[in-house]
Amino acid sequence: MEKTMRQMQHEVDEYIGQFKEGYFSPLAMLARLTEELGELAREVNHYYGEKPKKKTEQEKTIQEELGDLLFVLICMANSLRIDLQEAHDTVMHKFQTRDRDRWTRKEEGR
């Protein structure tokens, strides 16, 4: 079953809601986002860059790291009462209007 962004936000909110601590502060979550982004960068560098994994390093996947990043991003949005579906729609409108001629389009039929 596919989930909408709102369903994912609700699922994360239900999960966090079972703990007394609740959401971390926005500043703490920004630090967590930065940490998770660093872990994603490390994995991308291992797979596509010049830095192979050490034999002692735990095997992780880019998918796992993206999932961790998404979870923290949803936590931050929820704590600030931001609807990520609306945020996405706003950004897509910007790309489809202001930035519509910014990049070279593929020729039709290709």
N, C-alpha and C. Protein backbone atom coordinates (compact mmCIF):
# COMPACT_ATOMS: atom_id res chain seq x y z
N MET A 1 0.85 -1.19 0.00
CA MET A 1 0.00 0.00 0.00
C MET A 1 0.89 1.24 0.00
N GLU A 2 0.64 2.13 -0.93
CA GLU A 2 1.37 3.38 -0.97
C GLU A 2 0.81 4.34 0.07
N LYS A 3 1.71 5.14 0.64
CA LYS A 3 1.30 6.12 1.65
C LYS A 3 1.45 7.52 1.07
N THR A 4 0.53 8.38 1.44
CA THR A 4 0.67 9.78 1.08
C THR A 4 1.62 10.42 2.08
N MET A 5 2.08 11.62 1.76
CA MET A 5 2.95 12.34 2.68
C MET A 5 2.19 12.62 3.99
N ARG A 6 0.92 12.96 3.88
CA ARG A 6 0.13 13.23 5.10
C ARG A 6 0.02 11.97 5.95
N GLN A 7 -0.13 10.82 5.32
CA GLN A 7 -0.18 9.57 6.08
C GLN A 7 1.15 9.31 6.77
N MET A 8 2.26 9.59 6.07
CA MET A 8 3.57 9.41 6.69
C MET A 8 3.74 10.35 7.87
N GLN A 9 3.30 11.60 7.71
CA GLN A 9 3.41 12.55 8.81
C GLN A 9 2.56 12.08 10.00
N HIS A 10 1.38 11.56 9.72
CA HIS A 10 0.52 11.07 10.79
C HIS A 10 1.15 9.85 11.48
N GLU A 11 1.72 8.95 10.69
CA GLU A 11 2.35 7.75 11.24
C GLU A 11 3.51 8.12 12.17
N VAL A 12 4.34 9.06 11.75
CA VAL A 12 5.45 9.51 12.59
C VAL A 12 4.92 10.19 13.84
N ASP A 13 3.87 11.00 13.70
CA ASP A 13 3.29 11.69 14.85
C ASP A 13 2.74 10.69 15.87
N GLU A 14 2.09 9.65 15.38
CA GLU A 14 1.58 8.60 16.28
C GLU A 14 2.74 7.92 17.02
N TYR A 15 3.80 7.64 16.31
CA TYR A 15 4.96 6.99 16.91
C TYR A 15 5.58 7.88 18.00
N ILE A 16 5.86 9.13 17.65
CA ILE A 16 6.49 10.05 18.61
C ILE A 16 5.55 10.33 19.78
N GLY A 17 4.25 10.36 19.51
CA GLY A 17 3.26 10.67 20.54
C GLY A 17 3.19 9.67 21.68
N GLN A 18 3.77 8.50 21.51
CA GLN A 18 3.72 7.51 22.58
C GLN A 18 4.82 7.72 23.63
N PHE A 19 5.68 8.70 23.41
CA PHE A 19 6.79 8.96 24.33
C PHE A 19 6.60 10.29 25.04
N LYS A 20 6.90 10.33 26.33
CA LYS A 20 6.77 11.55 27.11
C LYS A 20 7.62 12.68 26.57
N GLU A 21 8.79 12.34 26.05
CA GLU A 21 9.72 13.37 25.57
C GLU A 21 9.17 14.11 24.35
N GLY A 22 8.37 13.46 23.54
CA GLY A 22 7.83 14.08 22.33
C GLY A 22 8.92 14.44 21.34
N TYR A 23 8.65 15.45 20.55
CA TYR A 23 9.62 15.89 19.55
C TYR A 23 10.75 16.65 20.21
N PHE A 24 11.94 16.55 19.62
CA PHE A 24 13.07 17.35 20.06
C PHE A 24 12.83 18.79 19.63
N SER A 25 13.62 19.71 20.14
CA SER A 25 13.51 21.11 19.73
C SER A 25 13.91 21.24 18.26
N PRO A 26 13.46 22.29 17.59
CA PRO A 26 13.86 22.48 16.18
C PRO A 26 15.38 22.52 16.00
N LEU A 27 16.09 23.13 16.92
CA LEU A 27 17.54 23.20 16.81
C LEU A 27 18.17 21.80 16.93
N ALA A 28 17.67 21.01 17.86
CA ALA A 28 18.18 19.64 18.01
C ALA A 28 17.87 18.81 16.77
N MET A 29 16.69 19.03 16.19
CA MET A 29 16.34 18.27 14.99
C MET A 29 17.16 18.72 13.78
N LEU A 30 17.50 20.00 13.74
CA LEU A 30 18.39 20.47 12.67
C LEU A 30 19.75 19.79 12.79
N ALA A 31 20.23 19.64 14.02
CA ALA A 31 21.49 18.92 14.24
C ALA A 31 21.36 17.47 13.80
N ARG A 32 20.20 16.84 14.09
CA ARG A 32 19.98 15.45 13.66
C ARG A 32 19.91 15.35 12.15
N LEU A 33 19.24 16.31 11.51
CA LEU A 33 19.19 16.32 10.05
C LEU A 33 20.60 16.40 9.46
N THR A 34 21.41 17.25 10.03
CA THR A 34 22.78 17.42 9.57
C THR A 34 23.56 16.12 9.75
N GLU A 35 23.37 15.49 10.89
CA GLU A 35 24.04 14.22 11.16
C GLU A 35 23.61 13.15 10.15
N GLU A 36 22.31 13.05 9.92
CA GLU A 36 21.81 12.04 8.98
C GLU A 36 22.26 12.35 7.56
N LEU A 37 22.31 13.62 7.19
CA LEU A 37 22.79 14.00 5.87
C LEU A 37 24.25 13.61 5.70
N GLY A 38 25.04 13.78 6.77
CA GLY A 38 26.44 13.35 6.73
C GLY A 38 26.57 11.85 6.52
N GLU A 39 25.69 11.09 7.17
CA GLU A 39 25.72 9.63 7.00
C GLU A 39 25.33 9.25 5.57
N LEU A 40 24.36 9.96 5.00
CA LEU A 40 23.99 9.72 3.60
C LEU A 40 25.17 10.05 2.69
N ALA A 41 25.82 11.18 2.95
CA ALA A 41 26.97 11.57 2.12
C ALA A 41 28.06 10.51 2.19
N ARG A 42 28.28 9.98 3.36
CA ARG A 42 29.30 8.94 3.54
C ARG A 42 28.98 7.71 2.70
N GLU A 43 27.71 7.29 2.73
CA GLU A 43 27.32 6.11 1.94
C GLU A 43 27.44 6.38 0.45
N VAL A 44 27.01 7.55 -0.01
CA VAL A 44 27.14 7.88 -1.43
C VAL A 44 28.60 7.89 -1.82
N ASN A 45 29.46 8.42 -0.97
CA ASN A 45 30.89 8.45 -1.25
C ASN A 45 31.46 7.03 -1.32
N HIS A 46 30.97 6.13 -0.48
CA HIS A 46 31.45 4.74 -0.52
C HIS A 46 31.05 4.06 -1.83
N TYR A 47 29.85 4.32 -2.30
CA TYR A 47 29.37 3.64 -3.50
C TYR A 47 29.80 4.31 -4.79
N TYR A 48 29.88 5.64 -4.79
CA TYR A 48 30.13 6.36 -6.03
C TYR A 48 31.40 7.20 -6.01
N GLY A 49 32.02 7.31 -4.88
CA GLY A 49 33.21 8.15 -4.76
C GLY A 49 34.48 7.34 -4.67
N GLU A 50 35.49 7.99 -4.18
CA GLU A 50 36.82 7.39 -4.13
C GLU A 50 37.15 6.84 -2.75
N LYS A 51 36.18 6.79 -1.84
CA LYS A 51 36.48 6.38 -0.48
C LYS A 51 35.80 5.03 -0.17
N PRO A 52 36.52 3.94 -0.30
CA PRO A 52 35.91 2.64 0.00
C PRO A 52 35.68 2.49 1.50
N LYS A 53 34.72 1.63 1.83
CA LYS A 53 34.43 1.34 3.23
C LYS A 53 35.60 0.62 3.88
N LYS A 54 35.78 0.90 5.16
CA LYS A 54 36.75 0.13 5.93
C LYS A 54 36.11 -1.22 6.25
N LYS A 55 36.92 -2.23 6.44
CA LYS A 55 36.39 -3.56 6.75
C LYS A 55 35.62 -3.58 8.06
N THR A 56 35.92 -2.62 8.94
CA THR A 56 35.27 -2.57 10.25
C THR A 56 33.95 -1.80 10.23
N GLU A 57 33.67 -1.11 9.11
CA GLU A 57 32.45 -0.30 9.03
C GLU A 57 31.23 -1.16 8.75
N GLN A 58 30.14 -0.82 9.43
CA GLN A 58 28.87 -1.53 9.26
C GLN A 58 28.31 -1.26 7.87
N GLU A 59 27.74 -2.29 7.26
CA GLU A 59 27.15 -2.15 5.94
C GLU A 59 25.79 -1.47 6.06
N LYS A 60 25.64 -0.34 5.40
CA LYS A 60 24.37 0.38 5.34
C LYS A 60 24.08 0.67 3.89
N THR A 61 22.86 1.06 3.61
CA THR A 61 22.51 1.35 2.23
C THR A 61 22.09 2.81 2.11
N ILE A 62 22.17 3.32 0.91
CA ILE A 62 21.71 4.68 0.63
C ILE A 62 20.22 4.77 0.94
N GLN A 63 19.48 3.73 0.63
CA GLN A 63 18.04 3.72 0.92
C GLN A 63 17.79 3.88 2.42
N GLU A 64 18.53 3.16 3.23
CA GLU A 64 18.39 3.26 4.68
C GLU A 64 18.69 4.66 5.18
N GLU A 65 19.75 5.25 4.64
CA GLU A 65 20.14 6.60 5.06
C GLU A 65 19.11 7.64 4.61
N LEU A 66 18.57 7.47 3.41
CA LEU A 66 17.50 8.37 2.97
C LEU A 66 16.27 8.24 3.85
N GLY A 67 15.97 7.01 4.27
CA GLY A 67 14.85 6.77 5.18
C GLY A 67 15.06 7.47 6.52
N ASP A 68 16.27 7.38 7.06
CA ASP A 68 16.58 8.07 8.32
C ASP A 68 16.41 9.58 8.17
N LEU A 69 16.90 10.11 7.07
CA LEU A 69 16.81 11.54 6.80
C LEU A 69 15.34 11.96 6.67
N LEU A 70 14.55 11.17 5.97
CA LEU A 70 13.13 11.46 5.79
C LEU A 70 12.40 11.45 7.13
N PHE A 71 12.71 10.48 7.99
CA PHE A 71 12.07 10.40 9.30
C PHE A 71 12.32 11.67 10.11
N VAL A 72 13.56 12.11 10.17
CA VAL A 72 13.89 13.31 10.95
C VAL A 72 13.27 14.55 10.30
N LEU A 73 13.24 14.61 8.99
CA LEU A 73 12.61 15.73 8.30
C LEU A 73 11.11 15.79 8.63
N ILE A 74 10.46 14.64 8.64
CA ILE A 74 9.04 14.59 9.01
C ILE A 74 8.85 15.00 10.46
N CYS A 75 9.73 14.55 11.34
CA CYS A 75 9.65 14.96 12.75
C CYS A 75 9.74 16.48 12.87
N MET A 76 10.67 17.07 12.14
CA MET A 76 10.85 18.52 12.22
C MET A 76 9.61 19.24 11.70
N ALA A 77 9.08 18.79 10.56
CA ALA A 77 7.88 19.40 10.00
C ALA A 77 6.70 19.27 10.97
N ASN A 78 6.53 18.09 11.54
CA ASN A 78 5.43 17.87 12.47
C ASN A 78 5.55 18.79 13.68
N SER A 79 6.74 18.91 14.23
CA SER A 79 6.92 19.72 15.43
C SER A 79 6.63 21.19 15.16
N LEU A 80 6.85 21.61 13.91
CA LEU A 80 6.60 23.00 13.52
C LEU A 80 5.23 23.17 12.85
N ARG A 81 4.45 22.09 12.84
CA ARG A 81 3.11 22.08 12.25
C ARG A 81 3.13 22.50 10.77
N ILE A 82 4.08 21.93 10.05
CA ILE A 82 4.21 22.19 8.62
C ILE A 82 3.69 20.98 7.86
N ASP A 83 2.77 21.21 6.94
CA ASP A 83 2.22 20.17 6.09
C ASP A 83 3.19 19.99 4.92
N LEU A 84 3.88 18.86 4.88
CA LEU A 84 4.89 18.64 3.85
C LEU A 84 4.27 18.51 2.46
N GLN A 85 3.02 18.07 2.37
CA GLN A 85 2.34 18.01 1.07
C GLN A 85 2.19 19.43 0.52
N GLU A 86 1.77 20.36 1.37
CA GLU A 86 1.64 21.76 0.95
C GLU A 86 3.01 22.35 0.59
N ALA A 87 4.02 22.02 1.39
CA ALA A 87 5.38 22.51 1.11
C ALA A 87 5.85 22.00 -0.25
N HIS A 88 5.59 20.73 -0.53
CA HIS A 88 5.97 20.14 -1.82
C HIS A 88 5.23 20.83 -2.96
N ASP A 89 3.92 21.03 -2.80
CA ASP A 89 3.13 21.66 -3.86
C ASP A 89 3.63 23.07 -4.15
N THR A 90 4.01 23.81 -3.11
CA THR A 90 4.53 25.16 -3.27
C THR A 90 5.84 25.14 -4.06
N VAL A 91 6.72 24.23 -3.72
CA VAL A 91 8.01 24.13 -4.41
C VAL A 91 7.82 23.71 -5.86
N MET A 92 6.93 22.75 -6.10
CA MET A 92 6.70 22.31 -7.48
C MET A 92 6.12 23.44 -8.32
N HIS A 93 5.24 24.24 -7.74
CA HIS A 93 4.68 25.40 -8.46
C HIS A 93 5.81 26.35 -8.84
N LYS A 94 6.73 26.56 -7.92
CA LYS A 94 7.87 27.44 -8.18
C LYS A 94 8.70 26.90 -9.35
N PHE A 95 8.98 25.61 -9.34
CA PHE A 95 9.79 25.03 -10.42
C PHE A 95 9.04 25.08 -11.75
N GLN A 96 7.73 24.90 -11.70
CA GLN A 96 6.95 24.87 -12.94
C GLN A 96 6.65 26.26 -13.49
N THR A 97 6.87 27.29 -12.71
CA THR A 97 6.63 28.66 -13.19
C THR A 97 7.94 29.41 -13.30
N ARG A 98 8.49 29.84 -12.21
CA ARG A 98 9.70 30.65 -12.21
C ARG A 98 10.87 29.97 -12.90
N ASP A 99 11.02 28.66 -12.69
CA ASP A 99 12.19 27.94 -13.21
C ASP A 99 11.88 27.09 -14.43
N ARG A 100 10.73 27.32 -15.07
CA ARG A 100 10.31 26.43 -16.16
C ARG A 100 11.26 26.43 -17.35
N ASP A 101 11.97 27.53 -17.58
CA ASP A 101 12.90 27.61 -18.72
C ASP A 101 14.35 27.60 -18.29
N ARG A 102 14.60 27.17 -17.08
CA ARG A 102 15.96 27.22 -16.53
C ARG A 102 16.89 26.16 -17.13
N TRP A 103 16.36 25.00 -17.44
CA TRP A 103 17.18 23.90 -17.95
C TRP A 103 16.72 23.51 -19.34
N THR A 104 17.59 22.81 -20.05
CA THR A 104 17.30 22.38 -21.42
C THR A 104 16.36 21.19 -21.38
N ARG A 105 15.24 21.35 -22.05
CA ARG A 105 14.25 20.26 -22.06
C ARG A 105 14.65 19.19 -23.09
N LYS A 106 14.23 17.97 -22.81
CA LYS A 106 14.42 16.87 -23.76
C LYS A 106 13.49 17.13 -24.94
N GLU A 107 13.93 16.68 -26.09
CA GLU A 107 13.08 16.79 -27.27
C GLU A 107 11.93 15.81 -27.13
N GLU A 108 10.76 16.22 -27.58
CA GLU A 108 9.59 15.34 -27.49
C GLU A 108 9.82 14.12 -28.36
N GLY A 109 9.33 12.99 -27.90
CA GLY A 109 9.48 11.75 -28.64
C GLY A 109 10.74 10.99 -28.28
N ARG A 110 11.54 11.55 -27.39
CA ARG A 110 12.79 10.88 -26.99
C ARG A 110 12.70 10.40 -25.59
